[in-house]
Amino acid sequence: MPSVAEAALVSEATAYRYFPDLVTLLLEADEGTWADPDEALAPVADSADPVIRIGYAARLLLEGVLANESAVRAMIAGSISRPTLAARRPGHRFGLIDAALAPAADRIGPAGLAQLRRDLAVAVSAEALFTLTDLCGLSGPDAVDSAVHTARTVTGAAFRAAGQEVREPVD
């Protein structure tokens, strides 16, 4: 917060008056920066294929994470050190996952959809992206490609397990 106050040309006391902690500031800064999930998925709106749609959604989210990496890392750090703040994180991934799967959701049933949503929450996340960059040594773009591949593969497997035909993931 001292750096934020300095950059904003206000005192620390003033910064803390409006934003009691860094997470609150980041939440406020994030407000309105991401498109509505349905609008964001407009380029794949004509496709009902969940593999295509989830691949697009994953890439969109993870490239957004890379573009705002320092703020996302600070948000994660803040919610780790204060778990009560975790529920306040924006949750963009779930909006995109739900919108991407919506046209085909009835093809795998409620239980299958719930499980796939949880599976994708692991792969389509800032945490997964940072694991790929920090621990696996991938560049940002390569990490995005890897996570998108995983999201598409998991989605295809879930639909095939439900007896549904989907396109094979193509990278």
Foldseek 3Di string as FASTA:
>chain_A
DCVVCVVVVHHPVVVCVVPVDLLSVLLVVCPPPDDQLVVQQVVCVVDQFLLVQLLSLLLVQLVVCVVVVVSVVVNVVVCVVPVVCVVVPPPPSLRNNCSSNVSPVPLQDDVLSVVLSVVLPVLSDPVQQCCCCVVVVDDSVVSSVVSSLVNSQSVCVSNVVSVHDHDDDDD
